[in-house]
Amino acid sequence: MSPSGPPLKKFRYEYPASEARFLAAPTAEAAVLYIRRAYPHNALDVLPTLRELARWPEFWKTVDDQGLLLPRDPT
């Protein structure tokens, strides 16, 4: 995606049950398509756990290409 594209939304899902995983996607539909493709035999178990997040959890760190920590995005 180009830098001028829409901002990515943040999602959380669980697979296996009780094991949180995180995903950034432009839309919820794109997140659903990813889960259906990544978990073709378990999509019906995974999809009900999909939630959009307002922001990444505190433990989530974002670094630049030099490995330097980027400031937390307030959105």
C-alpha atoms as a PDB file:
ATOM      1  CA  MET A   1       0.000   0.000   0.000  1.00  0.00           C
ATOM      2  CA  SER A   2       1.214   3.441  -0.780  1.00  0.00           C
ATOM      3  CA  PRO A   3       1.857   5.948   2.032  1.00  0.00           C
ATOM      4  CA  SER A   4      -0.970   8.112   0.650  1.00  0.00           C
ATOM      5  CA  GLY A   5      -3.494   5.276   1.080  1.00  0.00           C
ATOM      6  CA  PRO A   6      -6.028   5.123   3.893  1.00  0.00           C
ATOM      7  CA  PRO A   7      -4.702   4.477   7.383  1.00  0.00           C
ATOM      8  CA  LEU A   8      -4.681   0.862   8.469  1.00  0.00           C
ATOM      9  CA  LYS A   9      -7.178  -0.245  11.079  1.00  0.00           C
ATOM     10  CA  LYS A  10      -6.011  -2.435  13.943  1.00  0.00           C
ATOM     11  CA  PHE A  11      -7.596  -5.808  14.681  1.00  0.00           C
ATOM     12  CA  ARG A  12      -7.233  -8.535  17.277  1.00  0.00           C
ATOM     13  CA  TYR A  13      -8.271 -12.158  16.848  1.00  0.00           C
ATOM     14  CA  GLU A  14      -7.571 -15.416  18.628  1.00  0.00           C
ATOM     15  CA  TYR A  15      -6.070 -18.583  17.203  1.00  0.00           C
ATOM     16  CA  PRO A  16      -5.850 -20.983  18.847  1.00  0.00           C
ATOM     17  CA  ALA A  17      -8.482 -20.031  21.417  1.00  0.00           C
ATOM     18  CA  SER A  18      -7.140 -17.613  24.068  1.00  0.00           C
ATOM     19  CA  GLU A  19      -3.988 -16.833  22.039  1.00  0.00           C
ATOM     20  CA  ALA A  20      -4.224 -13.215  20.865  1.00  0.00           C
ATOM     21  CA  ARG A  21      -2.926 -12.254  17.446  1.00  0.00           C
ATOM     22  CA  PHE A  22      -2.886  -8.805  15.905  1.00  0.00           C
ATOM     23  CA  LEU A  23      -3.440  -7.608  12.354  1.00  0.00           C
ATOM     24  CA  ALA A  24      -3.426  -4.271  10.511  1.00  0.00           C
ATOM     25  CA  ALA A  25      -5.730  -4.008   7.501  1.00  0.00           C
ATOM     26  CA  PRO A  26      -7.369  -1.174   5.535  1.00  0.00           C
ATOM     27  CA  THR A  27     -10.897  -2.496   6.225  1.00  0.00           C
ATOM     28  CA  ALA A  28     -12.689  -5.113   8.303  1.00  0.00           C
ATOM     29  CA  GLU A  29     -13.543  -6.912   5.061  1.00  0.00           C
ATOM     30  CA  ALA A  30      -9.840  -7.216   4.245  1.00  0.00           C
ATOM     31  CA  ALA A  31      -9.207  -8.651   7.728  1.00  0.00           C
ATOM     32  CA  VAL A  32     -11.970 -11.225   7.188  1.00  0.00           C
ATOM     33  CA  LEU A  33     -10.543 -12.187   3.792  1.00  0.00           C
ATOM     34  CA  TYR A  34      -7.099 -12.638   5.364  1.00  0.00           C
ATOM     35  CA  ILE A  35      -8.469 -14.869   8.137  1.00  0.00           C
ATOM     36  CA  ARG A  36     -10.443 -16.974   5.652  1.00  0.00           C
ATOM     37  CA  ARG A  37      -7.287 -17.408   3.559  1.00  0.00           C
ATOM     38  CA  ALA A  38      -4.911 -18.012   6.492  1.00  0.00           C
ATOM     39  CA  TYR A  39      -7.235 -20.333   8.435  1.00  0.00           C
ATOM     40  CA  PRO A  40      -9.359 -22.080   5.784  1.00  0.00           C
ATOM     41  CA  HIS A  41     -10.279 -24.996   8.060  1.00  0.00           C
ATOM     42  CA  ASN A  42     -10.804 -22.895  11.206  1.00  0.00           C
ATOM     43  CA  ALA A  43     -12.299 -19.638   9.921  1.00  0.00           C
ATOM     44  CA  LEU A  44     -15.629 -20.263  11.650  1.00  0.00           C
ATOM     45  CA  ASP A  45     -13.783 -20.577  14.968  1.00  0.00           C
ATOM     46  CA  VAL A  46     -11.517 -17.564  14.377  1.00  0.00           C
ATOM     47  CA  LEU A  47     -13.922 -14.995  12.878  1.00  0.00           C
ATOM     48  CA  PRO A  48     -16.125 -14.594  16.000  1.00  0.00           C
ATOM     49  CA  THR A  49     -13.021 -13.464  17.930  1.00  0.00           C
ATOM     50  CA  LEU A  50     -12.149 -10.665  15.450  1.00  0.00           C
ATOM     51  CA  ARG A  51     -12.340  -7.216  17.058  1.00  0.00           C
ATOM     52  CA  GLU A  52     -11.276  -3.784  15.848  1.00  0.00           C
ATOM     53  CA  LEU A  53      -8.951  -1.968  18.262  1.00  0.00           C
ATOM     54  CA  ALA A  54      -8.787   1.768  18.870  1.00  0.00           C
ATOM     55  CA  ARG A  55      -4.998   1.509  19.218  1.00  0.00           C
ATOM     56  CA  TRP A  56      -2.306  -1.112  19.618  1.00  0.00           C
ATOM     57  CA  PRO A  57      -1.770  -2.602  23.087  1.00  0.00           C
ATOM     58  CA  GLU A  58       0.924  -0.977  25.249  1.00  0.00           C
ATOM     59  CA  PHE A  59       3.391  -3.814  24.608  1.00  0.00           C
ATOM     60  CA  TRP A  60       3.209  -3.226  20.840  1.00  0.00           C
ATOM     61  CA  LYS A  61       6.303  -1.433  19.544  1.00  0.00           C
ATOM     62  CA  THR A  62       6.830   0.059  16.098  1.00  0.00           C
ATOM     63  CA  VAL A  63      10.344   0.647  14.784  1.00  0.00           C
ATOM     64  CA  ASP A  64      11.694   2.301  11.664  1.00  0.00           C
ATOM     65  CA  ASP A  65      14.063   0.696   9.133  1.00  0.00           C
ATOM     66  CA  GLN A  66      17.041   1.568  11.371  1.00  0.00           C
ATOM     67  CA  GLY A  67      15.499  -0.234  14.327  1.00  0.00           C
ATOM     68  CA  LEU A  68      14.716   2.979  16.227  1.00  0.00           C
ATOM     69  CA  LEU A  69      11.504   3.107  18.237  1.00  0.00           C
ATOM     70  CA  LEU A  70       8.887   5.344  16.643  1.00  0.00           C
ATOM     71  CA  PRO A  71       6.681   7.545  18.832  1.00  0.00           C
ATOM     72  CA  ARG A  72       3.325   6.034  19.651  1.00  0.00           C
ATOM     73  CA  ASP A  73       0.595   7.133  17.249  1.00  0.00           C
ATOM     74  CA  PRO A  74      -2.156   8.803  19.313  1.00  0.00           C
ATOM     75  CA  THR A  75      -4.874   7.301  17.057  1.00  0.00           C
END
